[in-house]
Structure formats: structure tokens, C-alpha cells
Amino acid sequence: MNAPLAVSESTLHDQVRDEGFAFVQGDAMRGLVSPIAPLADWDTFAASWNALEPDTYLAATGRFRRRRHAVFTASRFGHVEPRPHQAHFQTLAYNALQGDIARWFAPVLPEIVGSATMGAILDFCRDIFGGLSPTVETWHVEVHQFRIEATAGVAGEPTPEGSHRDGVDYVLVLLVDRENIASGTTTIHTPDGRPLGEFTLTRPLDAALIHDPRVFHGVTPVTPLDASKASHRDVLVVTFRAA
């Protein structure tokens, strides 16, 4: 089934609180984010996915994707501030494929870290996630740029670790671009495997918000619509964890 469209912050807040996740169509997401800051630099923001670096850790398992990573801190009522570049770490309990490894990825480019679009997205997350957890004073925030590519005979894996939780409090998955791609359906289910919903991010700014401790999420492999042409799926993933 498809999760209902969230059209206001209060509706979105209630849906994540009650169901553990929400799907937001791109036009609605733009309406929620752009009042924070106009997304005038969206084209430059999206073009930065063309400069992502290979994930060498995933390559060691015979898989391929491109990514960049950045860390921020957010206070309950203050700005979201960038932190010095640092490793990304998950335990084996949350990532059976690459857990218990301090993974150093190429940093998000400084002009993208400081862009109006990035700032608006992060402030939106601070407000929504902070409203869901009002006792949290400070958040550890991580940003991941992902590009998954698919070729003839080789499907791309948006979630090579399978259906999973990230080991954080909240997750935003936001589609930036989708070119010549089939499938890539997001699935949400309970820890015991009961399906809760599924939807496909197809247009820029289509987004999923997830309460990570409550639900598992995954994305089905992607394949090219036209095997003779390049294909990719670009997403921004933002995680918030109580510091």
C-alpha cells in the first residue's frame, strides 16, 4: 500500500509518531522546506552528485556505489552546524555487512555543506525530529550522498545490507535524481517482518521520514530501463541521533 501524502508539518509529525514512517511527495516536500530558505541553488546541489567518490569499503564485497559524507551538530532551537570530518560507524547489530568498521568516506564538498538547500533540509529535519523528541537538547547529525548505478545484467543495490535499521533515532531519505532507472521501491516493515507500507521515490524531493527504532526499511534493487544508456539513483540520507 502507499502511505498517505503528508501536506503539513503537523500531519507529518503525527504520521511519523503514529506509524513510524511517512512518505512525502516532492511538491509537498518543497512546500515544507522552501519557506525555511528558497531552494534557488537546487540545480547546483543536485549536480554535486556527479562528483561523488567510489565507496571503497563496499567495493571490497564486490558491490559498487558512490558516496560522500558529512557530520553536523544541531541544538534544539539553534542552527545546524558542520563538524570536522570524521568516520562513519555502525555496529554489526545494525549493519551485518559492514558493521564495527570506522569507515572514512570522501567529505561532502564545502560549497554543498554550506548551501542554502542543504541548510533548509537540515533545519526542516531539526524541527520535525525535534518536535517528535522534545526532550533532546543536542543532535548528532550525519549526511550521506549516495549514487547507485545499474548496468545491463548488473542491478544496483540501494541497500546492500538488506532491510535494516540505521541505529539512530530518525532518518530522512530524499530523492535528488533518478535517471533511466526501474524499481527502487522502498519497503517498510516491523522488526518481526510484518509489512507496513511501500512506495517508490520517483521525483526530485520525494522523501521518506523514518523513526528508526520502530521500523525496518529497505529498497529493492534497481535496473536500467534502457540497457544501452547510463542510469543512476541519487539520494540524500540524513540521520539524527540524540547526542
C-alpha atoms as a PDB file:
ATOM      1  CA  MET A   1       0.000   0.000   0.000  1.00  0.00           C
ATOM      2  CA  ASN A   2       1.043   3.623  -0.335  1.00  0.00           C
ATOM      3  CA  ALA A   3       1.432   5.797   2.727  1.00  0.00           C
ATOM      4  CA  PRO A   4      -0.860   8.836   2.589  1.00  0.00           C
ATOM      5  CA  LEU A   5       0.548  12.133   1.432  1.00  0.00           C
ATOM      6  CA  ALA A   6       1.748  14.404   4.236  1.00  0.00           C
ATOM      7  CA  VAL A   7       0.930  18.034   3.420  1.00  0.00           C
ATOM      8  CA  SER A   8       1.699  19.902   6.639  1.00  0.00           C
ATOM      9  CA  GLU A   9       4.238  19.692   9.431  1.00  0.00           C
ATOM     10  CA  SER A  10       1.557  18.709  11.921  1.00  0.00           C
ATOM     11  CA  THR A  11       0.245  15.937   9.655  1.00  0.00           C
ATOM     12  CA  LEU A  12       3.772  14.708   9.034  1.00  0.00           C
ATOM     13  CA  HIS A  13       4.605  14.832  12.741  1.00  0.00           C
ATOM     14  CA  ASP A  14       1.511  12.794  13.583  1.00  0.00           C
ATOM     15  CA  GLN A  15       2.127  10.209  10.877  1.00  0.00           C
ATOM     16  CA  VAL A  16       5.729   9.529  11.929  1.00  0.00           C
ATOM     17  CA  ARG A  17       4.651   9.420  15.587  1.00  0.00           C
ATOM     18  CA  ASP A  18       1.737   7.062  14.971  1.00  0.00           C
ATOM     19  CA  GLU A  19       3.023   4.846  12.151  1.00  0.00           C
ATOM     20  CA  GLY A  20       6.801   5.083  12.442  1.00  0.00           C
ATOM     21  CA  PHE A  21       7.260   6.475   8.936  1.00  0.00           C
ATOM     22  CA  ALA A  22       5.848   8.872   6.345  1.00  0.00           C
ATOM     23  CA  PHE A  23       6.118   9.299   2.591  1.00  0.00           C
ATOM     24  CA  VAL A  24       6.113  12.862   1.259  1.00  0.00           C
ATOM     25  CA  GLN A  25       5.678  13.631  -2.421  1.00  0.00           C
ATOM     26  CA  GLY A  26       8.152  16.079  -3.909  1.00  0.00           C
ATOM     27  CA  ASP A  27       5.779  19.013  -4.369  1.00  0.00           C
ATOM     28  CA  ALA A  28       4.614  18.718  -0.771  1.00  0.00           C
ATOM     29  CA  MET A  29       8.195  18.402   0.446  1.00  0.00           C
ATOM     30  CA  ARG A  30       9.180  21.543  -1.444  1.00  0.00           C
ATOM     31  CA  GLY A  31       6.284  23.333   0.200  1.00  0.00           C
ATOM     32  CA  LEU A  32       7.538  22.271   3.628  1.00  0.00           C
ATOM     33  CA  VAL A  33      11.222  23.072   3.076  1.00  0.00           C
ATOM     34  CA  SER A  34      11.287  26.164   0.854  1.00  0.00           C
ATOM     35  CA  PRO A  35       9.755  28.542   3.459  1.00  0.00           C
ATOM     36  CA  ILE A  36      12.867  27.892   5.554  1.00  0.00           C
ATOM     37  CA  ALA A  37      15.107  29.003   2.671  1.00  0.00           C
ATOM     38  CA  PRO A  38      14.361  29.235  -1.056  1.00  0.00           C
ATOM     39  CA  LEU A  39      15.866  26.274  -2.908  1.00  0.00           C
ATOM     40  CA  ALA A  40      17.375  28.600  -5.509  1.00  0.00           C
ATOM     41  CA  ASP A  41      20.622  26.617  -5.626  1.00  0.00           C
ATOM     42  CA  TRP A  42      18.902  23.231  -6.082  1.00  0.00           C
ATOM     43  CA  ASP A  43      20.467  22.662  -9.530  1.00  0.00           C
ATOM     44  CA  THR A  44      23.982  23.134  -8.151  1.00  0.00           C
ATOM     45  CA  PHE A  45      23.124  20.989  -5.134  1.00  0.00           C
ATOM     46  CA  ALA A  46      21.844  18.156  -7.358  1.00  0.00           C
ATOM     47  CA  ALA A  47      24.794  18.428  -9.765  1.00  0.00           C
ATOM     48  CA  SER A  48      27.197  17.698  -6.890  1.00  0.00           C
ATOM     49  CA  TRP A  49      26.157  14.020  -7.089  1.00  0.00           C
ATOM     50  CA  ASN A  50      28.231  13.902 -10.299  1.00  0.00           C
ATOM     51  CA  ALA A  51      31.333  14.403  -8.108  1.00  0.00           C
ATOM     52  CA  LEU A  52      30.786  11.551  -5.648  1.00  0.00           C
ATOM     53  CA  GLU A  53      33.637   9.130  -4.950  1.00  0.00           C
ATOM     54  CA  PRO A  54      33.541   5.315  -5.071  1.00  0.00           C
ATOM     55  CA  ASP A  55      32.717   3.552  -1.805  1.00  0.00           C
ATOM     56  CA  THR A  56      35.914   1.507  -1.441  1.00  0.00           C
ATOM     57  CA  TYR A  57      34.547  -0.418   1.557  1.00  0.00           C
ATOM     58  CA  LEU A  58      31.589  -1.697  -0.454  1.00  0.00           C
ATOM     59  CA  ALA A  59      33.864  -2.475  -3.412  1.00  0.00           C
ATOM     60  CA  ALA A  60      35.645  -4.979  -1.174  1.00  0.00           C
ATOM     61  CA  THR A  61      32.389  -7.004  -1.126  1.00  0.00           C
ATOM     62  CA  GLY A  62      32.085  -6.994  -4.913  1.00  0.00           C
ATOM     63  CA  ARG A  63      29.445  -4.245  -4.986  1.00  0.00           C
ATOM     64  CA  PHE A  64      29.581  -0.663  -6.234  1.00  0.00           C
ATOM     65  CA  ARG A  65      28.200   2.730  -5.248  1.00  0.00           C
ATOM     66  CA  ARG A  66      29.394   6.319  -4.968  1.00  0.00           C
ATOM     67  CA  ARG A  67      29.030   8.497  -1.878  1.00  0.00           C
ATOM     68  CA  ARG A  68      30.173  11.430   0.242  1.00  0.00           C
ATOM     69  CA  HIS A  69      29.625  12.005   3.965  1.00  0.00           C
ATOM     70  CA  ALA A  70      29.430  14.909   6.413  1.00  0.00           C
ATOM     71  CA  VAL A  71      28.702  15.353  10.127  1.00  0.00           C
ATOM     72  CA  PHE A  72      26.779  18.180  11.812  1.00  0.00           C
ATOM     73  CA  THR A  73      25.517  19.035  15.266  1.00  0.00           C
ATOM     74  CA  ALA A  74      22.115  20.532  15.953  1.00  0.00           C
ATOM     75  CA  SER A  75      20.764  22.099  19.098  1.00  0.00           C
ATOM     76  CA  ARG A  76      17.087  22.061  19.948  1.00  0.00           C
ATOM     77  CA  PHE A  77      16.440  25.674  18.990  1.00  0.00           C
ATOM     78  CA  GLY A  78      19.684  26.660  17.279  1.00  0.00           C
ATOM     79  CA  HIS A  79      21.376  26.301  13.933  1.00  0.00           C
ATOM     80  CA  VAL A  80      22.661  23.070  12.460  1.00  0.00           C
ATOM     81  CA  GLU A  81      26.436  23.458  12.425  1.00  0.00           C
ATOM     82  CA  PRO A  82      29.018  21.430  10.462  1.00  0.00           C
ATOM     83  CA  ARG A  83      31.567  19.422  12.430  1.00  0.00           C
ATOM     84  CA  PRO A  84      35.098  18.366  11.424  1.00  0.00           C
ATOM     85  CA  HIS A  85      35.168  15.450   9.021  1.00  0.00           C
ATOM     86  CA  GLN A  86      35.023  12.118  10.824  1.00  0.00           C
ATOM     87  CA  ALA A  87      34.415   8.427  10.259  1.00  0.00           C
ATOM     88  CA  HIS A  88      31.007   6.825   9.874  1.00  0.00           C
ATOM     89  CA  PHE A  89      30.487   3.932  12.289  1.00  0.00           C
ATOM     90  CA  GLN A  90      27.742   1.339  12.734  1.00  0.00           C
ATOM     91  CA  THR A  91      27.807  -1.759  14.889  1.00  0.00           C
ATOM     92  CA  LEU A  92      27.295  -5.233  13.465  1.00  0.00           C
ATOM     93  CA  ALA A  93      23.898  -5.240  15.156  1.00  0.00           C
ATOM     94  CA  TYR A  94      22.735  -2.634  12.623  1.00  0.00           C
ATOM     95  CA  ASN A  95      24.943  -3.408   9.629  1.00  0.00           C
ATOM     96  CA  ALA A  96      25.841  -7.086   9.267  1.00  0.00           C
ATOM     97  CA  LEU A  97      27.649  -6.325   6.007  1.00  0.00           C
ATOM     98  CA  GLN A  98      30.000  -3.572   7.200  1.00  0.00           C
ATOM     99  CA  GLY A  99      29.465  -3.120  10.919  1.00  0.00           C
ATOM    100  CA  ASP A 100      32.169  -2.494  13.527  1.00  0.00           C
ATOM    101  CA  ILE A 101      34.296  -0.655  10.937  1.00  0.00           C
ATOM    102  CA  ALA A 102      35.234   3.016  11.155  1.00  0.00           C
ATOM    103  CA  ARG A 103      34.572   3.969   7.533  1.00  0.00           C
ATOM    104  CA  TRP A 104      36.135   7.148   6.180  1.00  0.00           C
ATOM    105  CA  PHE A 105      34.345   8.465   3.113  1.00  0.00           C
ATOM    106  CA  ALA A 106      35.138  11.448   0.919  1.00  0.00           C
ATOM    107  CA  PRO A 107      33.663  14.565   2.547  1.00  0.00           C
ATOM    108  CA  VAL A 108      30.673  16.413   1.177  1.00  0.00           C
ATOM    109  CA  LEU A 109      32.047  19.359  -0.792  1.00  0.00           C
ATOM    110  CA  PRO A 110      32.256  22.549   1.326  1.00  0.00           C
ATOM    111  CA  GLU A 111      30.050  24.530  -1.037  1.00  0.00           C
ATOM    112  CA  ILE A 112      27.341  21.893  -0.668  1.00  0.00           C
ATOM    113  CA  VAL A 113      27.686  21.729   3.131  1.00  0.00           C
ATOM    114  CA  GLY A 114      27.129  25.488   3.198  1.00  0.00           C
ATOM    115  CA  SER A 115      24.455  25.634   0.506  1.00  0.00           C
ATOM    116  CA  ALA A 116      21.012  27.108   1.076  1.00  0.00           C
ATOM    117  CA  THR A 117      19.347  23.846   0.038  1.00  0.00           C
ATOM    118  CA  MET A 118      21.349  21.762   2.500  1.00  0.00           C
ATOM    119  CA  GLY A 119      20.666  24.251   5.267  1.00  0.00           C
ATOM    120  CA  ALA A 120      16.933  24.256   4.585  1.00  0.00           C
ATOM    121  CA  ILE A 121      16.737  20.453   4.570  1.00  0.00           C
ATOM    122  CA  LEU A 122      18.686  20.148   7.815  1.00  0.00           C
ATOM    123  CA  ASP A 123      16.652  22.852   9.556  1.00  0.00           C
ATOM    124  CA  PHE A 124      13.465  21.105   8.436  1.00  0.00           C
ATOM    125  CA  CYS A 125      14.739  17.833   9.930  1.00  0.00           C
ATOM    126  CA  ARG A 126      15.710  19.557  13.180  1.00  0.00           C
ATOM    127  CA  ASP A 127      12.208  20.994  13.512  1.00  0.00           C
ATOM    128  CA  ILE A 128      10.321  17.794  12.639  1.00  0.00           C
ATOM    129  CA  PHE A 129      12.537  15.363  14.525  1.00  0.00           C
ATOM    130  CA  GLY A 130      12.973  17.765  17.424  1.00  0.00           C
ATOM    131  CA  GLY A 131       9.208  18.076  17.693  1.00  0.00           C
ATOM    132  CA  LEU A 132       8.943  14.297  17.918  1.00  0.00           C
ATOM    133  CA  SER A 133      11.592  14.144  20.661  1.00  0.00           C
ATOM    134  CA  PRO A 134      11.249  17.455  22.535  1.00  0.00           C
ATOM    135  CA  THR A 135      13.497  16.435  25.438  1.00  0.00           C
ATOM    136  CA  VAL A 136      16.573  16.046  23.229  1.00  0.00           C
ATOM    137  CA  GLU A 137      18.793  19.108  23.580  1.00  0.00           C
ATOM    138  CA  THR A 138      21.518  18.202  21.076  1.00  0.00           C
ATOM    139  CA  TRP A 139      21.575  16.008  17.979  1.00  0.00           C
ATOM    140  CA  HIS A 140      24.413  14.211  16.212  1.00  0.00           C
ATOM    141  CA  VAL A 141      23.575  14.573  12.529  1.00  0.00           C
ATOM    142  CA  GLU A 142      25.098  12.685   9.615  1.00  0.00           C
ATOM    143  CA  VAL A 143      24.556  13.394   5.927  1.00  0.00           C
ATOM    144  CA  HIS A 144      25.201  10.859   3.179  1.00  0.00           C
ATOM    145  CA  GLN A 145      25.138  11.490  -0.553  1.00  0.00           C
ATOM    146  CA  PHE A 146      24.557   8.210  -2.424  1.00  0.00           C
ATOM    147  CA  ARG A 147      24.595   7.357  -6.104  1.00  0.00           C
ATOM    148  CA  ILE A 148      23.574   3.844  -7.124  1.00  0.00           C
ATOM    149  CA  GLU A 149      24.314   2.895 -10.728  1.00  0.00           C
ATOM    150  CA  ALA A 150      22.863  -0.007 -12.687  1.00  0.00           C
ATOM    151  CA  THR A 151      24.104  -1.569 -15.909  1.00  0.00           C
ATOM    152  CA  ALA A 152      22.891  -4.270 -18.257  1.00  0.00           C
ATOM    153  CA  GLY A 153      22.897  -7.525 -16.316  1.00  0.00           C
ATOM    154  CA  VAL A 154      24.054  -5.911 -13.065  1.00  0.00           C
ATOM    155  CA  ALA A 155      21.380  -4.461 -10.791  1.00  0.00           C
ATOM    156  CA  GLY A 156      22.275  -1.640  -8.423  1.00  0.00           C
ATOM    157  CA  GLU A 157      21.674  -2.194  -4.698  1.00  0.00           C
ATOM    158  CA  PRO A 158      20.441   0.914  -2.846  1.00  0.00           C
ATOM    159  CA  THR A 159      20.533  -1.042   0.432  1.00  0.00           C
ATOM    160  CA  PRO A 160      23.188  -3.760   0.034  1.00  0.00           C
ATOM    161  CA  GLU A 161      22.864  -4.603   3.729  1.00  0.00           C
ATOM    162  CA  GLY A 162      19.247  -5.613   3.100  1.00  0.00           C
ATOM    163  CA  SER A 163      16.256  -4.467   5.094  1.00  0.00           C
ATOM    164  CA  HIS A 164      17.698  -2.757   8.148  1.00  0.00           C
ATOM    165  CA  ARG A 165      17.687  -0.095  10.803  1.00  0.00           C
ATOM    166  CA  ASP A 166      20.445   2.514  10.919  1.00  0.00           C
ATOM    167  CA  GLY A 167      20.978   2.617  14.685  1.00  0.00           C
ATOM    168  CA  VAL A 168      19.835   6.242  15.008  1.00  0.00           C
ATOM    169  CA  ASP A 169      16.639   7.982  16.100  1.00  0.00           C
ATOM    170  CA  TYR A 170      15.322   9.385  12.815  1.00  0.00           C
ATOM    171  CA  VAL A 171      16.131   9.099   9.114  1.00  0.00           C
ATOM    172  CA  LEU A 172      15.269  11.254   6.124  1.00  0.00           C
ATOM    173  CA  VAL A 173      15.711   9.696   2.670  1.00  0.00           C
ATOM    174  CA  LEU A 174      15.264  12.318  -0.057  1.00  0.00           C
ATOM    175  CA  LEU A 175      15.406  11.657  -3.792  1.00  0.00           C
ATOM    176  CA  VAL A 176      17.649  14.050  -5.693  1.00  0.00           C
ATOM    177  CA  ASP A 177      17.628  12.498  -9.167  1.00  0.00           C
ATOM    178  CA  ARG A 178      16.560   9.319 -10.929  1.00  0.00           C
ATOM    179  CA  GLU A 179      17.756   8.629 -14.458  1.00  0.00           C
ATOM    180  CA  ASN A 180      16.841   5.601 -16.599  1.00  0.00           C
ATOM    181  CA  ILE A 181      16.004   3.529 -13.516  1.00  0.00           C
ATOM    182  CA  ALA A 182      13.364   0.881 -12.915  1.00  0.00           C
ATOM    183  CA  SER A 183      12.206  -0.314  -9.473  1.00  0.00           C
ATOM    184  CA  GLY A 184      13.934   1.004  -6.338  1.00  0.00           C
ATOM    185  CA  THR A 185      10.843   0.537  -4.183  1.00  0.00           C
ATOM    186  CA  THR A 186      11.176   1.450  -0.513  1.00  0.00           C
ATOM    187  CA  THR A 187       9.685  -1.129   1.833  1.00  0.00           C
ATOM    188  CA  ILE A 188       8.806  -0.568   5.489  1.00  0.00           C
ATOM    189  CA  HIS A 189       8.067  -3.336   7.961  1.00  0.00           C
ATOM    190  CA  THR A 190       8.034  -4.192  11.646  1.00  0.00           C
ATOM    191  CA  PRO A 191      11.004  -5.913  13.339  1.00  0.00           C
ATOM    192  CA  ASP A 192       9.161  -9.243  13.032  1.00  0.00           C
ATOM    193  CA  GLY A 193       8.703  -8.784   9.275  1.00  0.00           C
ATOM    194  CA  ARG A 194       5.106  -7.587   9.043  1.00  0.00           C
ATOM    195  CA  PRO A 195       4.820  -5.205   6.065  1.00  0.00           C
ATOM    196  CA  LEU A 196       3.678  -1.674   6.882  1.00  0.00           C
ATOM    197  CA  GLY A 197       3.954   0.038   3.517  1.00  0.00           C
ATOM    198  CA  GLU A 198       5.883   0.515   0.313  1.00  0.00           C
ATOM    199  CA  PHE A 199       6.416   3.394  -2.095  1.00  0.00           C
ATOM    200  CA  THR A 200       8.834   4.433  -4.811  1.00  0.00           C
ATOM    201  CA  LEU A 201      10.718   7.718  -4.758  1.00  0.00           C
ATOM    202  CA  THR A 202      10.380   8.845  -8.372  1.00  0.00           C
ATOM    203  CA  ARG A 203      10.590  12.647  -8.492  1.00  0.00           C
ATOM    204  CA  PRO A 204      13.079  15.125  -7.019  1.00  0.00           C
ATOM    205  CA  LEU A 205      12.321  15.863  -3.344  1.00  0.00           C
ATOM    206  CA  ASP A 206      10.154  12.751  -2.914  1.00  0.00           C
ATOM    207  CA  ALA A 207      11.071  11.748   0.634  1.00  0.00           C
ATOM    208  CA  ALA A 208      10.654   9.182   3.376  1.00  0.00           C
ATOM    209  CA  LEU A 209      10.877  10.025   7.072  1.00  0.00           C
ATOM    210  CA  ILE A 210      11.533   7.077   9.363  1.00  0.00           C
ATOM    211  CA  HIS A 211      11.507   6.552  13.143  1.00  0.00           C
ATOM    212  CA  ASP A 212      14.437   4.153  13.107  1.00  0.00           C
ATOM    213  CA  PRO A 213      13.969   2.309  16.433  1.00  0.00           C
ATOM    214  CA  ARG A 214      10.439   1.247  15.444  1.00  0.00           C
ATOM    215  CA  VAL A 215      10.635   0.067  11.823  1.00  0.00           C
ATOM    216  CA  PHE A 216      12.957  -1.588   9.345  1.00  0.00           C
ATOM    217  CA  HIS A 217      13.433  -0.179   5.847  1.00  0.00           C
ATOM    218  CA  GLY A 218      14.990  -1.364   2.605  1.00  0.00           C
ATOM    219  CA  VAL A 219      14.996  -0.582  -1.111  1.00  0.00           C
ATOM    220  CA  THR A 220      14.639  -3.111  -3.903  1.00  0.00           C
ATOM    221  CA  PRO A 221      17.487  -3.372  -6.461  1.00  0.00           C
ATOM    222  CA  VAL A 222      17.360  -1.025  -9.450  1.00  0.00           C
ATOM    223  CA  THR A 223      17.852  -1.892 -13.101  1.00  0.00           C
ATOM    224  CA  PRO A 224      18.229   0.288 -16.211  1.00  0.00           C
ATOM    225  CA  LEU A 225      15.113   0.932 -18.269  1.00  0.00           C
ATOM    226  CA  ASP A 226      17.313   1.134 -21.370  1.00  0.00           C
ATOM    227  CA  ALA A 227      20.381  -1.085 -21.039  1.00  0.00           C
ATOM    228  CA  SER A 228      22.258   0.958 -23.653  1.00  0.00           C
ATOM    229  CA  LYS A 229      22.150   4.154 -21.569  1.00  0.00           C
ATOM    230  CA  ALA A 230      23.679   5.233 -18.261  1.00  0.00           C
ATOM    231  CA  SER A 231      21.433   5.001 -15.219  1.00  0.00           C
ATOM    232  CA  HIS A 232      21.600   6.203 -11.626  1.00  0.00           C
ATOM    233  CA  ARG A 233      19.569   6.786  -8.477  1.00  0.00           C
ATOM    234  CA  ASP A 234      20.750   9.739  -6.367  1.00  0.00           C
ATOM    235  CA  VAL A 235      19.549  10.181  -2.796  1.00  0.00           C
ATOM    236  CA  LEU A 236      20.402  12.277   0.233  1.00  0.00           C
ATOM    237  CA  VAL A 237      20.178  10.424   3.549  1.00  0.00           C
ATOM    238  CA  VAL A 238      20.133  12.439   6.775  1.00  0.00           C
ATOM    239  CA  THR A 239      20.220  10.752  10.189  1.00  0.00           C
ATOM    240  CA  PHE A 240      19.533  12.311  13.592  1.00  0.00           C
ATOM    241  CA  ARG A 241      20.719  10.650  16.796  1.00  0.00           C
ATOM    242  CA  ALA A 242      20.452  12.105  20.294  1.00  0.00           C
ATOM    243  CA  ALA A 243      23.962  13.235  21.239  1.00  0.00           C
END
